[in-house]
């Protein structure tokens, strides 16, 4: 019961701190643009690179390491197959996203009728 009291006290005392965490339209847009840029410029190329490395490792396992070992040849074959499946899925999703984006005609600009938020002076 005492721990619950401390938890409630910490929760109540955190209310004034949350008042300083106000988000306006500019901060939210900056955050969303940063998140989208991170996904587009870091995450997606990283996933493509991992799929490519898996495919190349499968080729290595199949042709070089599995010259006389049938188990390594099967492992290499499955890695190549999964690498190709991964590429196919990623390119398909990327194409679907671009089709939807072109169909919906996403506009990334801020509308003119956005309200002006009051500023503290």
PDB file of N, CA and C in Angstrom:
ATOM      1  N   UNK A   1       0.827  -1.189   0.000  1.00  0.00           N
ATOM      2  CA  UNK A   1       0.000   0.000   0.000  1.00  0.00           C
ATOM      3  C   UNK A   1       0.871   1.253   0.000  1.00  0.00           C
ATOM      4  N   UNK A   2       2.010   1.157   0.694  1.00  0.00           N
ATOM      5  CA  UNK A   2       2.898   2.299   0.767  1.00  0.00           C
ATOM      6  C   UNK A   2       3.500   2.608  -0.606  1.00  0.00           C
ATOM      7  N   UNK A   3       3.807   1.548  -1.389  1.00  0.00           N
ATOM      8  CA  UNK A   3       4.369   1.745  -2.722  1.00  0.00           C
ATOM      9  C   UNK A   3       3.361   2.421  -3.650  1.00  0.00           C
ATOM     10  N   UNK A   4       2.085   2.078  -3.504  1.00  0.00           N
ATOM     11  CA  UNK A   4       1.048   2.699  -4.307  1.00  0.00           C
ATOM     12  C   UNK A   4       0.947   4.187  -3.994  1.00  0.00           C
ATOM     13  N   UNK A   5       1.096   4.547  -2.717  1.00  0.00           N
ATOM     14  CA  UNK A   5       1.076   5.955  -2.322  1.00  0.00           C
ATOM     15  C   UNK A   5       2.223   6.730  -2.944  1.00  0.00           C
ATOM     16  N   UNK A   6       3.427   6.131  -2.960  1.00  0.00           N
ATOM     17  CA  UNK A   6       4.568   6.782  -3.595  1.00  0.00           C
ATOM     18  C   UNK A   6       4.352   6.933  -5.102  1.00  0.00           C
ATOM     19  N   UNK A   7       3.750   5.931  -5.709  1.00  0.00           N
ATOM     20  CA  UNK A   7       3.482   5.996  -7.135  1.00  0.00           C
ATOM     21  C   UNK A   7       2.494   7.109  -7.456  1.00  0.00           C
ATOM     22  N   UNK A   8       1.420   7.226  -6.667  1.00  0.00           N
ATOM     23  CA  UNK A   8       0.431   8.290  -6.879  1.00  0.00           C
ATOM     24  C   UNK A   8       1.070   9.652  -6.641  1.00  0.00           C
ATOM     25  N   UNK A   9       1.894   9.774  -5.603  1.00  0.00           N
ATOM     26  CA  UNK A   9       2.566  11.042  -5.315  1.00  0.00           C
ATOM     27  C   UNK A   9       3.498  11.440  -6.473  1.00  0.00           C
ATOM     28  N   UNK A  10       4.248  10.505  -7.002  1.00  0.00           N
ATOM     29  CA  UNK A  10       5.141  10.802  -8.127  1.00  0.00           C
ATOM     30  C   UNK A  10       4.333  11.206  -9.351  1.00  0.00           C
ATOM     31  N   UNK A  11       3.201  10.556  -9.570  1.00  0.00           N
ATOM     32  CA  UNK A  11       2.348  10.880 -10.709  1.00  0.00           C
ATOM     33  C   UNK A  11       1.782  12.293 -10.575  1.00  0.00           C
ATOM     34  N   UNK A  12       1.307  12.649  -9.402  1.00  0.00           N
ATOM     35  CA  UNK A  12       0.731  13.977  -9.176  1.00  0.00           C
ATOM     36  C   UNK A  12       1.803  15.060  -9.276  1.00  0.00           C
ATOM     37  N   UNK A  13       2.992  14.781  -8.765  1.00  0.00           N
ATOM     38  CA  UNK A  13       4.054  15.774  -8.819  1.00  0.00           C
ATOM     39  C   UNK A  13       4.597  15.963 -10.236  1.00  0.00           C
ATOM     40  N   UNK A  14       4.324  15.035 -11.128  1.00  0.00           N
ATOM     41  CA  UNK A  14       4.822  15.175 -12.497  1.00  0.00           C
ATOM     42  C   UNK A  14       3.905  16.037 -13.367  1.00  0.00           C
ATOM     43  N   UNK A  15       2.747  16.431 -12.885  1.00  0.00           N
ATOM     44  CA  UNK A  15       1.847  17.270 -13.678  1.00  0.00           C
ATOM     45  C   UNK A  15       2.472  18.611 -14.076  1.00  0.00           C
ATOM     46  N   UNK A  16       3.121  19.352 -13.176  1.00  0.00           N
ATOM     47  CA  UNK A  16       3.719  20.624 -13.620  1.00  0.00           C
ATOM     48  C   UNK A  16       4.810  20.429 -14.675  1.00  0.00           C
ATOM     49  N   UNK A  17       5.531  19.338 -14.610  1.00  0.00           N
ATOM     50  CA  UNK A  17       6.586  19.077 -15.593  1.00  0.00           C
ATOM     51  C   UNK A  17       5.977  18.866 -16.969  1.00  0.00           C
ATOM     52  N   UNK A  18       4.823  18.202 -17.028  1.00  0.00           N
ATOM     53  CA  UNK A  18       4.202  17.946 -18.329  1.00  0.00           C
ATOM     54  C   UNK A  18       3.684  19.227 -18.969  1.00  0.00           C
ATOM     55  N   UNK A  19       3.468  20.276 -18.193  1.00  0.00           N
ATOM     56  CA  UNK A  19       3.005  21.534 -18.763  1.00  0.00           C
ATOM     57  C   UNK A  19       4.096  22.196 -19.595  1.00  0.00           C
ATOM     58  N   UNK A  20       5.357  21.897 -19.304  1.00  0.00           N
ATOM     59  CA  UNK A  20       6.457  22.466 -20.074  1.00  0.00           C
ATOM     60  C   UNK A  20       6.690  21.713 -21.382  1.00  0.00           C
ATOM     61  N   UNK A  21       6.027  20.603 -21.567  1.00  0.00           N
ATOM     62  CA  UNK A  21       6.230  19.782 -22.760  1.00  0.00           C
ATOM     63  C   UNK A  21       5.165  20.058 -23.805  1.00  0.00           C
ATOM     64  N   UNK A  22       4.864  21.321 -24.017  1.00  0.00           N
ATOM     65  CA  UNK A  22       3.852  21.672 -24.999  1.00  0.00           C
ATOM     66  C   UNK A  22       4.407  21.468 -26.402  1.00  0.00           C
ATOM     67  N   UNK A  23       3.552  20.965 -27.275  1.00  0.00           N
ATOM     68  CA  UNK A  23       3.957  20.718 -28.650  1.00  0.00           C
ATOM     69  C   UNK A  23       3.123  21.608 -29.555  1.00  0.00           C
ATOM     70  N   UNK A  24       3.784  22.391 -30.373  1.00  0.00           N
ATOM     71  CA  UNK A  24       3.051  23.170 -31.356  1.00  0.00           C
ATOM     72  C   UNK A  24       3.197  22.515 -32.718  1.00  0.00           C
ATOM     73  N   UNK A  25       2.564  23.076 -33.710  1.00  0.00           N
ATOM     74  CA  UNK A  25       2.542  22.458 -35.032  1.00  0.00           C
ATOM     75  C   UNK A  25       3.939  22.381 -35.646  1.00  0.00           C
ATOM     76  N   UNK A  26       4.768  23.371 -35.399  1.00  0.00           N
ATOM     77  CA  UNK A  26       6.116  23.366 -35.971  1.00  0.00           C
ATOM     78  C   UNK A  26       6.960  22.255 -35.378  1.00  0.00           C
ATOM     79  N   UNK A  27       6.896  22.070 -34.058  1.00  0.00           N
ATOM     80  CA  UNK A  27       7.664  21.005 -33.419  1.00  0.00           C
ATOM     81  C   UNK A  27       7.187  19.632 -33.869  1.00  0.00           C
ATOM     82  N   UNK A  28       5.879  19.460 -33.988  1.00  0.00           N
ATOM     83  CA  UNK A  28       5.350  18.173 -34.421  1.00  0.00           C
ATOM     84  C   UNK A  28       5.745  17.881 -35.861  1.00  0.00           C
ATOM     85  N   UNK A  29       5.713  18.886 -36.714  1.00  0.00           N
ATOM     86  CA  UNK A  29       6.100  18.683 -38.105  1.00  0.00           C
ATOM     87  C   UNK A  29       7.592  18.400 -38.207  1.00  0.00           C
ATOM     88  N   UNK A  30       8.402  19.084 -37.431  1.00  0.00           N
ATOM     89  CA  UNK A  30       9.841  18.843 -37.434  1.00  0.00           C
ATOM     90  C   UNK A  30      10.137  17.420 -36.969  1.00  0.00           C
ATOM     91  N   UNK A  31       9.443  16.969 -35.926  1.00  0.00           N
ATOM     92  CA  UNK A  31       9.644  15.615 -35.418  1.00  0.00           C
ATOM     93  C   UNK A  31       9.227  14.579 -36.454  1.00  0.00           C
ATOM     94  N   UNK A  32       8.068  14.785 -37.081  1.00  0.00           N
ATOM     95  CA  UNK A  32       7.599  13.809 -38.062  1.00  0.00           C
ATOM     96  C   UNK A  32       8.503  13.790 -39.290  1.00  0.00           C
ATOM     97  N   UNK A  33       8.983  14.950 -39.724  1.00  0.00           N
ATOM     98  CA  UNK A  33       9.918  14.977 -40.851  1.00  0.00           C
ATOM     99  C   UNK A  33      11.217  14.268 -40.505  1.00  0.00           C
ATOM    100  N   UNK A  34      11.696  14.459 -39.287  1.00  0.00           N
ATOM    101  CA  UNK A  34      12.915  13.775 -38.854  1.00  0.00           C
ATOM    102  C   UNK A  34      12.726  12.268 -38.793  1.00  0.00           C
ATOM    103  N   UNK A  35      11.567  11.830 -38.305  1.00  0.00           N
ATOM    104  CA  UNK A  35      11.294  10.393 -38.227  1.00  0.00           C
ATOM    105  C   UNK A  35      11.182   9.787 -39.622  1.00  0.00           C
ATOM    106  N   UNK A  36      10.509  10.483 -40.522  1.00  0.00           N
ATOM    107  CA  UNK A  36      10.368   9.977 -41.894  1.00  0.00           C
ATOM    108  C   UNK A  36      11.724   9.928 -42.587  1.00  0.00           C
ATOM    109  N   UNK A  37      12.544  10.967 -42.395  1.00  0.00           N
ATOM    110  CA  UNK A  37      13.879  10.965 -42.990  1.00  0.00           C
ATOM    111  C   UNK A  37      14.741   9.850 -42.415  1.00  0.00           C
ATOM    112  N   UNK A  38      14.618   9.578 -41.128  1.00  0.00           N
ATOM    113  CA  UNK A  38      15.369   8.484 -40.514  1.00  0.00           C
ATOM    114  C   UNK A  38      14.966   7.149 -41.116  1.00  0.00           C
ATOM    115  N   UNK A  39      13.676   6.943 -41.285  1.00  0.00           N
ATOM    116  CA  UNK A  39      13.199   5.688 -41.869  1.00  0.00           C
ATOM    117  C   UNK A  39      13.666   5.567 -43.314  1.00  0.00           C
ATOM    118  N   UNK A  40      13.506   6.627 -44.107  1.00  0.00           N
ATOM    119  CA  UNK A  40      13.854   6.572 -45.529  1.00  0.00           C
ATOM    120  C   UNK A  40      15.354   6.509 -45.777  1.00  0.00           C
ATOM    121  N   UNK A  41      16.150   7.199 -44.966  1.00  0.00           N
ATOM    122  CA  UNK A  41      17.579   7.300 -45.244  1.00  0.00           C
ATOM    123  C   UNK A  41      18.437   6.311 -44.468  1.00  0.00           C
ATOM    124  N   UNK A  42      17.902   5.718 -43.395  1.00  0.00           N
ATOM    125  CA  UNK A  42      18.707   4.799 -42.594  1.00  0.00           C
ATOM    126  C   UNK A  42      18.089   3.406 -42.552  1.00  0.00           C
ATOM    127  N   UNK A  43      16.848   3.317 -42.128  1.00  0.00           N
ATOM    128  CA  UNK A  43      16.243   2.008 -41.863  1.00  0.00           C
ATOM    129  C   UNK A  43      16.040   1.190 -43.138  1.00  0.00           C
ATOM    130  N   UNK A  44      15.454   1.779 -44.161  1.00  0.00           N
ATOM    131  CA  UNK A  44      15.155   1.027 -45.389  1.00  0.00           C
ATOM    132  C   UNK A  44      16.439   0.576 -46.095  1.00  0.00           C
ATOM    133  N   UNK A  45      17.461   1.441 -46.279  1.00  0.00           N
ATOM    134  CA  UNK A  45      18.707   0.928 -46.869  1.00  0.00           C
ATOM    135  C   UNK A  45      19.376  -0.149 -46.013  1.00  0.00           C
ATOM    136  N   UNK A  46      19.245  -0.042 -44.692  1.00  0.00           N
ATOM    137  CA  UNK A  46      19.818  -1.068 -43.815  1.00  0.00           C
ATOM    138  C   UNK A  46      19.133  -2.416 -44.016  1.00  0.00           C
ATOM    139  N   UNK A  47      17.814  -2.409 -44.136  1.00  0.00           N
ATOM    140  CA  UNK A  47      17.077  -3.660 -44.358  1.00  0.00           C
ATOM    141  C   UNK A  47      17.423  -4.258 -45.723  1.00  0.00           C
ATOM    142  N   UNK A  48      17.524  -3.413 -46.753  1.00  0.00           N
ATOM    143  CA  UNK A  48      17.936  -3.899 -48.071  1.00  0.00           C
ATOM    144  C   UNK A  48      19.354  -4.478 -48.016  1.00  0.00           C
ATOM    145  N   UNK A  49      20.249  -3.828 -47.282  1.00  0.00           N
ATOM    146  CA  UNK A  49      21.619  -4.325 -47.161  1.00  0.00           C
ATOM    147  C   UNK A  49      21.658  -5.666 -46.445  1.00  0.00           C
ATOM    148  N   UNK A  50      20.844  -5.838 -45.405  1.00  0.00           N
ATOM    149  CA  UNK A  50      20.796  -7.113 -44.689  1.00  0.00           C
ATOM    150  C   UNK A  50      20.278  -8.215 -45.601  1.00  0.00           C
ATOM    151  N   UNK A  51      19.243  -7.924 -46.387  1.00  0.00           N
ATOM    152  CA  UNK A  51      18.724  -8.928 -47.322  1.00  0.00           C
ATOM    153  C   UNK A  51      19.776  -9.282 -48.369  1.00  0.00           C
ATOM    154  N   UNK A  52      20.514  -8.298 -48.838  1.00  0.00           N
ATOM    155  CA  UNK A  52      21.570  -8.563 -49.820  1.00  0.00           C
ATOM    156  C   UNK A  52      22.685  -9.407 -49.213  1.00  0.00           C
ATOM    157  N   UNK A  53      23.069  -9.110 -47.982  1.00  0.00           N
ATOM    158  CA  UNK A  53      24.118  -9.887 -47.310  1.00  0.00           C
ATOM    159  C   UNK A  53      23.659 -11.322 -47.095  1.00  0.00           C
ATOM    160  N   UNK A  54      22.398 -11.522 -46.723  1.00  0.00           N
ATOM    161  CA  UNK A  54      21.870 -12.879 -46.561  1.00  0.00           C
ATOM    162  C   UNK A  54      21.938 -13.627 -47.886  1.00  0.00           C
ATOM    163  N   UNK A  55      21.571 -12.978 -48.970  1.00  0.00           N
ATOM    164  CA  UNK A  55      21.626 -13.618 -50.283  1.00  0.00           C
ATOM    165  C   UNK A  55      23.066 -13.973 -50.662  1.00  0.00           C
ATOM    166  N   UNK A  56      23.997 -13.035 -50.466  1.00  0.00           N
ATOM    167  CA  UNK A  56      25.404 -13.290 -50.802  1.00  0.00           C
ATOM    168  C   UNK A  56      25.974 -14.403 -49.924  1.00  0.00           C
ATOM    169  N   UNK A  57      25.607 -14.436 -48.649  1.00  0.00           N
ATOM    170  CA  UNK A  57      26.073 -15.509 -47.763  1.00  0.00           C
ATOM    171  C   UNK A  57      25.511 -16.858 -48.229  1.00  0.00           C
ATOM    172  N   UNK A  58      24.289 -16.867 -48.719  1.00  0.00           N
ATOM    173  CA  UNK A  58      23.721 -18.094 -49.268  1.00  0.00           C
ATOM    174  C   UNK A  58      24.459 -18.555 -50.510  1.00  0.00           C
ATOM    175  N   UNK A  59      24.840 -17.598 -51.373  1.00  0.00           N
ATOM    176  CA  UNK A  59      25.626 -17.941 -52.560  1.00  0.00           C
ATOM    177  C   UNK A  59      26.969 -18.516 -52.146  1.00  0.00           C
ATOM    178  N   UNK A  60      27.609 -17.910 -51.149  1.00  0.00           N
ATOM    179  CA  UNK A  60      28.884 -18.421 -50.641  1.00  0.00           C
ATOM    180  C   UNK A  60      28.721 -19.831 -50.081  1.00  0.00           C
ATOM    181  N   UNK A  61      27.668 -20.034 -49.280  1.00  0.00           N
ATOM    182  CA  UNK A  61      27.433 -21.355 -48.693  1.00  0.00           C
ATOM    183  C   UNK A  61      27.178 -22.404 -49.774  1.00  0.00           C
ATOM    184  N   UNK A  62      26.458 -22.028 -50.804  1.00  0.00           N
ATOM    185  CA  UNK A  62      26.077 -22.996 -51.839  1.00  0.00           C
ATOM    186  C   UNK A  62      27.246 -23.341 -52.755  1.00  0.00           C
ATOM    187  N   UNK A  63      27.945 -22.336 -53.250  1.00  0.00           N
ATOM    188  CA  UNK A  63      28.968 -22.596 -54.264  1.00  0.00           C
ATOM    189  C   UNK A  63      30.355 -22.855 -53.684  1.00  0.00           C
ATOM    190  N   UNK A  64      30.755 -22.111 -52.662  1.00  0.00           N
ATOM    191  CA  UNK A  64      32.136 -22.205 -52.193  1.00  0.00           C
ATOM    192  C   UNK A  64      32.263 -23.164 -51.013  1.00  0.00           C
ATOM    193  N   UNK A  65      31.504 -22.916 -49.945  1.00  0.00           N
ATOM    194  CA  UNK A  65      31.647 -23.745 -48.745  1.00  0.00           C
ATOM    195  C   UNK A  65      31.002 -25.112 -48.924  1.00  0.00           C
ATOM    196  N   UNK A  66      29.997 -25.200 -49.778  1.00  0.00           N
ATOM    197  CA  UNK A  66      29.286 -26.461 -49.928  1.00  0.00           C
ATOM    198  C   UNK A  66      29.712 -27.263 -51.134  1.00  0.00           C
ATOM    199  N   UNK A  67      30.981 -27.170 -51.505  1.00  0.00           N
ATOM    200  CA  UNK A  67      31.448 -27.899 -52.672  1.00  0.00           C
ATOM    201  C   UNK A  67      31.203 -29.388 -52.572  1.00  0.00           C
ATOM    202  N   UNK A  68      31.522 -29.987 -51.432  1.00  0.00           N
ATOM    203  CA  UNK A  68      31.337 -31.421 -51.245  1.00  0.00           C
ATOM    204  C   UNK A  68      30.361 -31.732 -50.113  1.00  0.00           C
ATOM    205  N   UNK A  69      29.908 -30.718 -49.394  1.00  0.00           N
ATOM    206  CA  UNK A  69      29.024 -30.923 -48.241  1.00  0.00           C
ATOM    207  C   UNK A  69      27.586 -30.597 -48.651  1.00  0.00           C
ATOM    208  N   UNK A  70      26.763 -31.630 -48.710  1.00  0.00           N
ATOM    209  CA  UNK A  70      25.376 -31.451 -49.148  1.00  0.00           C
ATOM    210  C   UNK A  70      24.564 -30.622 -48.147  1.00  0.00           C
ATOM    211  N   UNK A  71      24.885 -30.697 -46.864  1.00  0.00           N
ATOM    212  CA  UNK A  71      24.152 -29.929 -45.849  1.00  0.00           C
ATOM    213  C   UNK A  71      24.379 -28.429 -46.030  1.00  0.00           C
ATOM    214  N   UNK A  72      25.619 -28.033 -46.318  1.00  0.00           N
ATOM    215  CA  UNK A  72      25.908 -26.616 -46.547  1.00  0.00           C
ATOM    216  C   UNK A  72      25.262 -26.133 -47.841  1.00  0.00           C
ATOM    217  N   UNK A  73      25.169 -27.007 -48.833  1.00  0.00           N
ATOM    218  CA  UNK A  73      24.503 -26.624 -50.076  1.00  0.00           C
ATOM    219  C   UNK A  73      23.020 -26.357 -49.829  1.00  0.00           C
ATOM    220  N   UNK A  74      22.383 -27.176 -49.012  1.00  0.00           N
ATOM    221  CA  UNK A  74      20.968 -26.957 -48.688  1.00  0.00           C
ATOM    222  C   UNK A  74      20.783 -25.674 -47.875  1.00  0.00           C
ATOM    223  N   UNK A  75      21.705 -25.441 -46.943  1.00  0.00           N
ATOM    224  CA  UNK A  75      21.638 -24.200 -46.158  1.00  0.00           C
ATOM    225  C   UNK A  75      21.799 -22.982 -47.070  1.00  0.00           C
ATOM    226  N   UNK A  76      22.756 -23.050 -47.987  1.00  0.00           N
ATOM    227  CA  UNK A  76      22.965 -21.956 -48.924  1.00  0.00           C
ATOM    228  C   UNK A  76      21.772 -21.734 -49.826  1.00  0.00           C
ATOM    229  N   UNK A  77      21.155 -22.839 -50.265  1.00  0.00           N
ATOM    230  CA  UNK A  77      19.987 -22.731 -51.134  1.00  0.00           C
ATOM    231  C   UNK A  77      18.830 -22.053 -50.407  1.00  0.00           C
ATOM    232  N   UNK A  78      18.623 -22.426 -49.147  1.00  0.00           N
ATOM    233  CA  UNK A  78      17.523 -21.810 -48.389  1.00  0.00           C
ATOM    234  C   UNK A  78      17.811 -20.340 -48.097  1.00  0.00           C
ATOM    235  N   UNK A  79      19.077 -19.986 -47.816  1.00  0.00           N
ATOM    236  CA  UNK A  79      19.412 -18.578 -47.575  1.00  0.00           C
ATOM    237  C   UNK A  79      19.209 -17.744 -48.837  1.00  0.00           C
ATOM    238  N   UNK A  80      19.595 -18.281 -49.993  1.00  0.00           N
ATOM    239  CA  UNK A  80      19.367 -17.545 -51.240  1.00  0.00           C
ATOM    240  C   UNK A  80      17.874 -17.359 -51.491  1.00  0.00           C
ATOM    241  N   UNK A  81      17.105 -18.406 -51.230  1.00  0.00           N
ATOM    242  CA  UNK A  81      15.653 -18.313 -51.431  1.00  0.00           C
ATOM    243  C   UNK A  81      15.044 -17.257 -50.514  1.00  0.00           C
ATOM    244  N   UNK A  82      15.432 -17.270 -49.231  1.00  0.00           N
ATOM    245  CA  UNK A  82      14.888 -16.280 -48.298  1.00  0.00           C
ATOM    246  C   UNK A  82      15.352 -14.871 -48.627  1.00  0.00           C
ATOM    247  N   UNK A  83      16.575 -14.722 -49.121  1.00  0.00           N
ATOM    248  CA  UNK A  83      17.046 -13.398 -49.548  1.00  0.00           C
ATOM    249  C   UNK A  83      16.226 -12.866 -50.707  1.00  0.00           C
ATOM    250  N   UNK A  84      15.937 -13.735 -51.693  1.00  0.00           N
ATOM    251  CA  UNK A  84      15.129 -13.310 -52.838  1.00  0.00           C
ATOM    252  C   UNK A  84      13.698 -12.995 -52.407  1.00  0.00           C
ATOM    253  N   UNK A  85      13.137 -13.811 -51.519  1.00  0.00           N
ATOM    254  CA  UNK A  85      11.786 -13.546 -51.001  1.00  0.00           C
ATOM    255  C   UNK A  85      11.760 -12.211 -50.262  1.00  0.00           C
ATOM    256  N   UNK A  86      12.803 -11.941 -49.462  1.00  0.00           N
ATOM    257  CA  UNK A  86      12.886 -10.664 -48.746  1.00  0.00           C
ATOM    258  C   UNK A  86      12.932  -9.483 -49.699  1.00  0.00           C
ATOM    259  N   UNK A  87      13.762  -9.587 -50.749  1.00  0.00           N
ATOM    260  CA  UNK A  87      13.810  -8.523 -51.754  1.00  0.00           C
ATOM    261  C   UNK A  87      12.453  -8.328 -52.411  1.00  0.00           C
ATOM    262  N   UNK A  88      11.810  -9.413 -52.779  1.00  0.00           N
ATOM    263  CA  UNK A  88      10.514  -9.321 -53.446  1.00  0.00           C
ATOM    264  C   UNK A  88       9.482  -8.632 -52.553  1.00  0.00           C
ATOM    265  N   UNK A  89       9.437  -9.007 -51.291  1.00  0.00           N
ATOM    266  CA  UNK A  89       8.471  -8.398 -50.361  1.00  0.00           C
ATOM    267  C   UNK A  89       8.763  -6.913 -50.182  1.00  0.00           C
ATOM    268  N   UNK A  90      10.049  -6.554 -49.995  1.00  0.00           N
ATOM    269  CA  UNK A  90      10.385  -5.150 -49.772  1.00  0.00           C
ATOM    270  C   UNK A  90      10.082  -4.293 -50.994  1.00  0.00           C
ATOM    271  N   UNK A  91      10.420  -4.781 -52.186  1.00  0.00           N
ATOM    272  CA  UNK A  91      10.142  -4.015 -53.397  1.00  0.00           C
ATOM    273  C   UNK A  91       8.636  -3.917 -53.628  1.00  0.00           C
ATOM    274  N   UNK A  92       7.892  -4.977 -53.316  1.00  0.00           N
ATOM    275  CA  UNK A  92       6.436  -4.946 -53.480  1.00  0.00           C
ATOM    276  C   UNK A  92       5.793  -3.929 -52.547  1.00  0.00           C
ATOM    277  N   UNK A  93       6.206  -3.933 -51.291  1.00  0.00           N
ATOM    278  CA  UNK A  93       5.652  -2.970 -50.331  1.00  0.00           C
ATOM    279  C   UNK A  93       6.028  -1.549 -50.734  1.00  0.00           C
ATOM    280  N   UNK A  94       7.257  -1.359 -51.187  1.00  0.00           N
ATOM    281  CA  UNK A  94       7.700  -0.048 -51.628  1.00  0.00           C
ATOM    282  C   UNK A  94       6.860   0.429 -52.817  1.00  0.00           C
ATOM    283  N   UNK A  95       6.578  -0.463 -53.749  1.00  0.00           N
ATOM    284  CA  UNK A  95       5.732  -0.113 -54.885  1.00  0.00           C
ATOM    285  C   UNK A  95       4.309   0.209 -54.469  1.00  0.00           C
ATOM    286  N   UNK A  96       3.750  -0.583 -53.547  1.00  0.00           N
ATOM    287  CA  UNK A  96       2.392  -0.309 -53.070  1.00  0.00           C
ATOM    288  C   UNK A  96       2.304   1.036 -52.362  1.00  0.00           C
ATOM    289  N   UNK A  97       3.309   1.355 -51.573  1.00  0.00           N
ATOM    290  CA  UNK A  97       3.317   2.645 -50.883  1.00  0.00           C
ATOM    291  C   UNK A  97       3.359   3.779 -51.901  1.00  0.00           C
ATOM    292  N   UNK A  98       4.183   3.644 -52.934  1.00  0.00           N
ATOM    293  CA  UNK A  98       4.250   4.696 -53.955  1.00  0.00           C
ATOM    294  C   UNK A  98       2.954   4.795 -54.752  1.00  0.00           C
ATOM    295  N   UNK A  99       2.301   3.662 -55.025  1.00  0.00           N
ATOM    296  CA  UNK A  99       1.010   3.703 -55.714  1.00  0.00           C
ATOM    297  C   UNK A  99      -0.024   4.413 -54.849  1.00  0.00           C
ATOM    298  N   UNK A 100      -0.097   4.058 -53.569  1.00  0.00           N
ATOM    299  CA  UNK A 100      -1.050   4.723 -52.666  1.00  0.00           C
ATOM    300  C   UNK A 100      -0.736   6.202 -52.523  1.00  0.00           C
ATOM    301  N   UNK A 101       0.541   6.520 -52.433  1.00  0.00           N
ATOM    302  CA  UNK A 101       0.932   7.925 -52.284  1.00  0.00           C
ATOM    303  C   UNK A 101       0.550   8.728 -53.520  1.00  0.00           C
ATOM    304  N   UNK A 102       0.705   8.137 -54.704  1.00  0.00           N
ATOM    305  CA  UNK A 102       0.312   8.813 -55.921  1.00  0.00           C
ATOM    306  C   UNK A 102      -1.191   8.902 -56.076  1.00  0.00           C
ATOM    307  N   UNK A 103      -1.904   7.887 -55.597  1.00  0.00           N
ATOM    308  CA  UNK A 103      -3.357   7.887 -55.704  1.00  0.00           C
ATOM    309  C   UNK A 103      -3.984   8.900 -54.757  1.00  0.00           C
ATOM    310  N   UNK A 104      -3.506   8.931 -53.550  1.00  0.00           N
ATOM    311  CA  UNK A 104      -4.059   9.832 -52.537  1.00  0.00           C
ATOM    312  C   UNK A 104      -3.549  11.251 -52.738  1.00  0.00           C
ATOM    313  N   UNK A 105      -2.437  11.411 -53.418  1.00  0.00           N
ATOM    314  CA  UNK A 105      -1.794  12.696 -53.657  1.00  0.00           C
ATOM    315  C   UNK A 105      -1.501  13.403 -52.333  1.00  0.00           C
ATOM    316  N   UNK A 106      -0.600  12.815 -51.578  1.00  0.00           N
ATOM    317  CA  UNK A 106      -0.216  13.346 -50.277  1.00  0.00           C
ATOM    318  C   UNK A 106       0.462  14.695 -50.463  1.00  0.00           C
ATOM    319  N   UNK A 107       0.003  15.665 -49.683  1.00  0.00           N
ATOM    320  CA  UNK A 107       0.574  17.002 -49.715  1.00  0.00           C
ATOM    321  C   UNK A 107       1.233  17.255 -48.372  1.00  0.00           C
ATOM    322  N   UNK A 108       2.527  17.506 -48.375  1.00  0.00           N
ATOM    323  CA  UNK A 108       3.263  17.666 -47.125  1.00  0.00           C
ATOM    324  C   UNK A 108       3.334  19.103 -46.633  1.00  0.00           C
ATOM    325  N   UNK A 109       2.646  20.024 -47.272  1.00  0.00           N
ATOM    326  CA  UNK A 109       2.729  21.418 -46.858  1.00  0.00           C
ATOM    327  C   UNK A 109       1.716  21.703 -45.747  1.00  0.00           C
ATOM    328  N   UNK A 110       2.006  22.730 -44.983  1.00  0.00           N
ATOM    329  CA  UNK A 110       1.122  23.149 -43.897  1.00  0.00           C
ATOM    330  C   UNK A 110      -0.015  23.961 -44.511  1.00  0.00           C
ATOM    331  N   UNK A 111      -1.269  23.673 -44.138  1.00  0.00           N
ATOM    332  CA  UNK A 111      -2.386  24.416 -44.725  1.00  0.00           C
ATOM    333  C   UNK A 111      -2.380  25.883 -44.293  1.00  0.00           C
ATOM    334  N   UNK A 112      -2.988  26.721 -45.117  1.00  0.00           N
ATOM    335  CA  UNK A 112      -3.035  28.154 -44.833  1.00  0.00           C
ATOM    336  C   UNK A 112      -3.947  28.486 -43.658  1.00  0.00           C
ATOM    337  N   UNK A 113      -4.911  27.640 -43.400  1.00  0.00           N
ATOM    338  CA  UNK A 113      -5.876  27.933 -42.357  1.00  0.00           C
ATOM    339  C   UNK A 113      -5.451  27.414 -40.991  1.00  0.00           C
ATOM    340  N   UNK A 114      -4.196  27.019 -40.836  1.00  0.00           N
ATOM    341  CA  UNK A 114      -3.712  26.548 -39.540  1.00  0.00           C
ATOM    342  C   UNK A 114      -3.749  27.704 -38.547  1.00  0.00           C
ATOM    343  N   UNK A 115      -4.253  27.455 -37.355  1.00  0.00           N
ATOM    344  CA  UNK A 115      -4.332  28.552 -36.380  1.00  0.00           C
ATOM    345  C   UNK A 115      -2.961  28.946 -35.873  1.00  0.00           C
ATOM    346  N   UNK A 116      -2.821  30.219 -35.558  1.00  0.00           N
ATOM    347  CA  UNK A 116      -1.582  30.695 -34.963  1.00  0.00           C
ATOM    348  C   UNK A 116      -1.671  30.473 -33.474  1.00  0.00           C
ATOM    349  N   UNK A 117      -0.667  29.813 -32.942  1.00  0.00           N
ATOM    350  CA  UNK A 117      -0.646  29.536 -31.506  1.00  0.00           C
ATOM    351  C   UNK A 117      -0.080  30.741 -30.769  1.00  0.00           C
ATOM    352  N   UNK A 118      -0.627  31.048 -29.600  1.00  0.00           N
ATOM    353  CA  UNK A 118      -0.109  32.185 -28.851  1.00  0.00           C
ATOM    354  C   UNK A 118       1.299  31.885 -28.347  1.00  0.00           C
ATOM    355  N   UNK A 119       2.113  32.891 -28.288  1.00  0.00           N
ATOM    356  CA  UNK A 119       3.481  32.742 -27.795  1.00  0.00           C
ATOM    357  C   UNK A 119       3.635  33.526 -26.499  1.00  0.00           C
ATOM    358  N   UNK A 120       4.478  33.031 -25.640  1.00  0.00           N
ATOM    359  CA  UNK A 120       4.783  33.724 -24.390  1.00  0.00           C
ATOM    360  C   UNK A 120       5.882  34.737 -24.651  1.00  0.00           C
ATOM    361  N   UNK A 121       5.704  35.933 -24.132  1.00  0.00           N
ATOM    362  CA  UNK A 121       6.706  36.974 -24.348  1.00  0.00           C
ATOM    363  C   UNK A 121       7.289  37.442 -23.061  1.00  0.00           C
TER     364      UNK A 121
END
